[in-house]
């Protein structure tokens, strides 16, 4: 692994650790920004000869995170709808 590839691997690991710390600290909005950075960073994984299994593992977790994020957004919208209905009573 050359120096550039090592820097890339270190950056992926750093972003993964940062996202982990934010998520386990319930800082979802900040974690979302880091997950976006990590996702964009992983687009270079093949060019950097990053281990395919590691890249796929990260991608899977990112995909799950954003699926859950969309579900939470939809639930919030439904809650607002309930609020509008309640105001009609």
N, C-alpha and C. Protein backbone atom coordinates (compact mmCIF):
# COMPACT_ATOMS: atom_id res chain seq x y z
N UNK A 1 0.85 -1.17 0.00
CA UNK A 1 0.00 0.00 0.00
C UNK A 1 0.90 1.24 0.00
N UNK A 2 0.66 2.10 -0.97
CA UNK A 2 1.49 3.31 -1.04
C UNK A 2 0.97 4.37 -0.06
N UNK A 3 1.68 5.47 0.01
CA UNK A 3 1.36 6.52 0.99
C UNK A 3 -0.03 7.12 0.77
N UNK A 4 -0.37 7.34 -0.49
CA UNK A 4 -1.69 7.92 -0.81
C UNK A 4 -2.81 6.96 -0.40
N UNK A 5 -2.63 5.68 -0.67
CA UNK A 5 -3.63 4.69 -0.29
C UNK A 5 -3.75 4.59 1.23
N UNK A 6 -2.64 4.70 1.92
CA UNK A 6 -2.67 4.65 3.38
C UNK A 6 -3.41 5.86 3.95
N UNK A 7 -3.17 7.03 3.38
CA UNK A 7 -3.89 8.24 3.82
C UNK A 7 -5.38 8.08 3.59
N UNK A 8 -5.74 7.50 2.45
CA UNK A 8 -7.15 7.26 2.13
C UNK A 8 -7.77 6.32 3.16
N UNK A 9 -7.10 5.21 3.44
CA UNK A 9 -7.61 4.23 4.42
C UNK A 9 -7.74 4.87 5.80
N UNK A 10 -6.78 5.70 6.17
CA UNK A 10 -6.83 6.39 7.46
C UNK A 10 -8.02 7.35 7.53
N UNK A 11 -8.27 8.04 6.43
CA UNK A 11 -9.39 8.99 6.39
C UNK A 11 -10.72 8.26 6.49
N UNK A 12 -10.86 7.13 5.79
CA UNK A 12 -12.09 6.33 5.88
C UNK A 12 -12.31 5.89 7.33
N UNK A 13 -11.26 5.39 7.95
CA UNK A 13 -11.36 4.93 9.33
C UNK A 13 -11.73 6.09 10.26
N UNK A 14 -11.11 7.25 10.04
CA UNK A 14 -11.38 8.43 10.87
C UNK A 14 -12.84 8.86 10.74
N UNK A 15 -13.36 8.90 9.52
CA UNK A 15 -14.75 9.27 9.30
C UNK A 15 -15.70 8.25 9.93
N UNK A 16 -15.36 6.97 9.80
CA UNK A 16 -16.18 5.93 10.41
C UNK A 16 -16.23 6.05 11.93
N UNK A 17 -15.08 6.33 12.53
CA UNK A 17 -15.02 6.50 13.98
C UNK A 17 -15.79 7.74 14.42
N UNK A 18 -15.65 8.81 13.65
CA UNK A 18 -16.37 10.05 13.99
C UNK A 18 -17.88 9.83 13.92
N UNK A 19 -18.34 9.15 12.89
CA UNK A 19 -19.78 8.85 12.76
C UNK A 19 -20.23 7.98 13.91
N UNK A 20 -19.43 7.00 14.27
CA UNK A 20 -19.77 6.12 15.39
C UNK A 20 -19.94 6.90 16.68
N UNK A 21 -19.00 7.78 16.97
CA UNK A 21 -19.05 8.58 18.20
C UNK A 21 -20.28 9.49 18.21
N UNK A 22 -20.59 10.09 17.08
CA UNK A 22 -21.75 10.98 17.01
C UNK A 22 -23.05 10.21 17.18
N UNK A 23 -23.16 9.07 16.52
CA UNK A 23 -24.38 8.29 16.62
C UNK A 23 -24.60 7.75 18.04
N UNK A 24 -23.54 7.29 18.66
CA UNK A 24 -23.69 6.74 20.01
C UNK A 24 -23.84 7.84 21.05
N UNK A 25 -23.65 9.11 20.63
CA UNK A 25 -23.87 10.26 21.51
C UNK A 25 -25.21 10.95 21.18
N UNK A 26 -26.01 10.30 20.32
CA UNK A 26 -27.34 10.80 19.93
C UNK A 26 -27.26 12.14 19.19
N UNK A 27 -26.18 12.38 18.47
CA UNK A 27 -26.01 13.61 17.69
C UNK A 27 -26.26 13.29 16.22
N UNK A 28 -27.54 13.03 15.90
CA UNK A 28 -27.90 12.50 14.59
C UNK A 28 -27.66 13.48 13.44
N UNK A 29 -27.96 14.76 13.66
CA UNK A 29 -27.77 15.72 12.58
C UNK A 29 -26.30 15.85 12.21
N UNK A 30 -25.44 15.89 13.21
CA UNK A 30 -24.00 15.96 12.93
C UNK A 30 -23.52 14.66 12.29
N UNK A 31 -24.06 13.54 12.75
CA UNK A 31 -23.67 12.25 12.19
C UNK A 31 -24.07 12.15 10.73
N UNK A 32 -25.21 12.73 10.39
CA UNK A 32 -25.69 12.70 9.00
C UNK A 32 -24.68 13.36 8.07
N UNK A 33 -24.12 14.49 8.50
CA UNK A 33 -23.12 15.18 7.68
C UNK A 33 -21.87 14.31 7.50
N UNK A 34 -21.44 13.66 8.56
CA UNK A 34 -20.24 12.81 8.48
C UNK A 34 -20.52 11.59 7.61
N UNK A 35 -21.73 11.03 7.72
CA UNK A 35 -22.08 9.87 6.88
C UNK A 35 -22.08 10.26 5.40
N UNK A 36 -22.51 11.47 5.09
CA UNK A 36 -22.47 11.93 3.70
C UNK A 36 -21.02 12.03 3.23
N UNK A 37 -20.15 12.59 4.08
CA UNK A 37 -18.73 12.69 3.73
C UNK A 37 -18.14 11.30 3.51
N UNK A 38 -18.46 10.37 4.39
CA UNK A 38 -17.95 9.01 4.28
C UNK A 38 -18.44 8.36 2.99
N UNK A 39 -19.70 8.54 2.69
CA UNK A 39 -20.27 7.98 1.46
C UNK A 39 -19.55 8.53 0.22
N UNK A 40 -19.35 9.84 0.20
CA UNK A 40 -18.64 10.45 -0.93
C UNK A 40 -17.20 9.97 -1.01
N UNK A 41 -16.58 9.82 0.14
CA UNK A 41 -15.19 9.36 0.19
C UNK A 41 -15.06 7.94 -0.36
N UNK A 42 -16.06 7.11 -0.07
CA UNK A 42 -16.00 5.71 -0.51
C UNK A 42 -16.15 5.54 -2.02
N UNK A 43 -16.56 6.61 -2.70
CA UNK A 43 -16.67 6.53 -4.16
C UNK A 43 -15.31 6.31 -4.82
N UNK A 44 -14.24 6.60 -4.09
CA UNK A 44 -12.89 6.42 -4.61
C UNK A 44 -12.28 5.09 -4.18
N UNK A 45 -13.03 4.26 -3.49
CA UNK A 45 -12.49 3.03 -2.90
C UNK A 45 -11.79 2.14 -3.92
N UNK A 46 -12.40 1.95 -5.09
CA UNK A 46 -11.79 1.07 -6.10
C UNK A 46 -10.47 1.65 -6.62
N UNK A 47 -10.47 2.96 -6.84
CA UNK A 47 -9.25 3.61 -7.33
C UNK A 47 -8.10 3.51 -6.33
N UNK A 48 -8.44 3.45 -5.06
CA UNK A 48 -7.43 3.43 -4.00
C UNK A 48 -7.09 2.02 -3.53
N UNK A 49 -7.61 1.03 -4.23
CA UNK A 49 -7.39 -0.38 -3.86
C UNK A 49 -7.78 -0.66 -2.40
N UNK A 50 -8.85 0.00 -1.97
CA UNK A 50 -9.35 -0.22 -0.61
C UNK A 50 -10.03 -1.59 -0.59
N UNK A 51 -9.87 -2.36 0.48
CA UNK A 51 -10.47 -3.70 0.52
C UNK A 51 -11.97 -3.67 0.23
N UNK A 52 -12.36 -4.44 -0.76
CA UNK A 52 -13.75 -4.46 -1.23
C UNK A 52 -14.73 -4.79 -0.11
N UNK A 53 -14.40 -5.75 0.73
CA UNK A 53 -15.30 -6.15 1.82
C UNK A 53 -15.50 -5.00 2.81
N UNK A 54 -14.43 -4.27 3.10
CA UNK A 54 -14.55 -3.13 4.02
C UNK A 54 -15.42 -2.04 3.41
N UNK A 55 -15.20 -1.73 2.14
CA UNK A 55 -15.98 -0.69 1.47
C UNK A 55 -17.46 -1.08 1.44
N UNK A 56 -17.74 -2.33 1.13
CA UNK A 56 -19.13 -2.79 1.08
C UNK A 56 -19.77 -2.77 2.47
N UNK A 57 -19.00 -3.10 3.49
CA UNK A 57 -19.51 -3.03 4.86
C UNK A 57 -19.91 -1.62 5.23
N UNK A 58 -19.03 -0.67 4.94
CA UNK A 58 -19.34 0.74 5.19
C UNK A 58 -20.57 1.17 4.39
N UNK A 59 -20.59 0.82 3.10
CA UNK A 59 -21.72 1.22 2.25
C UNK A 59 -23.05 0.67 2.77
N UNK A 60 -23.03 -0.56 3.24
CA UNK A 60 -24.24 -1.17 3.78
C UNK A 60 -24.73 -0.42 5.02
N UNK A 61 -23.82 -0.07 5.91
CA UNK A 61 -24.20 0.67 7.11
C UNK A 61 -24.70 2.07 6.76
N UNK A 62 -24.06 2.71 5.80
CA UNK A 62 -24.50 4.04 5.36
C UNK A 62 -25.90 3.95 4.77
N UNK A 63 -26.13 2.95 3.93
CA UNK A 63 -27.45 2.75 3.32
C UNK A 63 -28.51 2.55 4.40
N UNK A 64 -28.21 1.73 5.40
CA UNK A 64 -29.16 1.49 6.50
C UNK A 64 -29.42 2.78 7.29
N UNK A 65 -28.37 3.54 7.53
CA UNK A 65 -28.53 4.80 8.26
C UNK A 65 -29.48 5.73 7.53
N UNK A 66 -29.29 5.91 6.23
CA UNK A 66 -30.13 6.83 5.48
C UNK A 66 -31.55 6.29 5.29
N UNK A 67 -31.72 4.98 5.26
CA UNK A 67 -33.06 4.40 5.24
C UNK A 67 -33.80 4.77 6.52
N UNK A 68 -33.13 4.58 7.66
CA UNK A 68 -33.74 4.92 8.94
C UNK A 68 -34.02 6.42 9.03
N UNK A 69 -33.10 7.23 8.53
CA UNK A 69 -33.28 8.68 8.53
C UNK A 69 -34.55 9.07 7.75
N UNK A 70 -34.76 8.44 6.59
CA UNK A 70 -35.97 8.71 5.80
C UNK A 70 -37.22 8.28 6.55
N UNK A 71 -37.14 7.13 7.22
CA UNK A 71 -38.29 6.65 7.99
C UNK A 71 -38.63 7.63 9.12
N UNK A 72 -37.63 8.13 9.80
CA UNK A 72 -37.86 9.11 10.88
C UNK A 72 -38.50 10.37 10.31
N UNK A 73 -38.00 10.83 9.17
CA UNK A 73 -38.57 12.01 8.53
C UNK A 73 -40.04 11.79 8.22
N UNK A 74 -40.38 10.62 7.66
CA UNK A 74 -41.77 10.31 7.33
C UNK A 74 -42.64 10.24 8.57
N UNK A 75 -42.11 9.68 9.64
CA UNK A 75 -42.88 9.61 10.89
C UNK A 75 -43.13 11.01 11.46
N UNK A 76 -42.16 11.88 11.34
CA UNK A 76 -42.34 13.26 11.80
C UNK A 76 -43.43 13.95 10.98
N UNK A 77 -43.45 13.72 9.66
CA UNK A 77 -44.49 14.31 8.82
C UNK A 77 -45.87 13.79 9.22
N UNK A 78 -45.96 12.51 9.53
CA UNK A 78 -47.24 11.94 9.96
C UNK A 78 -47.67 12.56 11.28
N UNK A 79 -46.72 12.80 12.17
CA UNK A 79 -47.04 13.42 13.46
C UNK A 79 -47.58 14.84 13.26
N UNK A 80 -47.00 15.57 12.33
CA UNK A 80 -47.49 16.92 12.02
C UNK A 80 -48.93 16.83 11.49
N UNK A 81 -49.19 15.83 10.67
CA UNK A 81 -50.55 15.62 10.16
C UNK A 81 -51.54 15.37 11.28
N UNK A 82 -51.13 14.60 12.27
CA UNK A 82 -51.99 14.37 13.44
C UNK A 82 -52.24 15.68 14.16
N UNK A 83 -51.19 16.50 14.27
CA UNK A 83 -51.35 17.80 14.90
C UNK A 83 -52.36 18.67 14.18
N UNK A 84 -52.36 18.64 12.86
CA UNK A 84 -53.34 19.41 12.09
C UNK A 84 -54.75 18.89 12.33
N UNK A 85 -54.88 17.57 12.37
CA UNK A 85 -56.20 16.97 12.65
C UNK A 85 -56.71 17.36 14.03
N UNK A 86 -55.79 17.35 15.01
CA UNK A 86 -56.19 17.72 16.38
C UNK A 86 -56.69 19.16 16.45
N UNK A 87 -56.09 20.03 15.64
CA UNK A 87 -56.51 21.44 15.66
C UNK A 87 -57.92 21.62 15.10
N UNK A 88 -58.40 20.63 14.36
CA UNK A 88 -59.74 20.71 13.78
C UNK A 88 -60.84 20.39 14.80
N UNK A 89 -60.47 19.76 15.90
CA UNK A 89 -61.48 19.40 16.91
C UNK A 89 -61.87 20.57 17.76
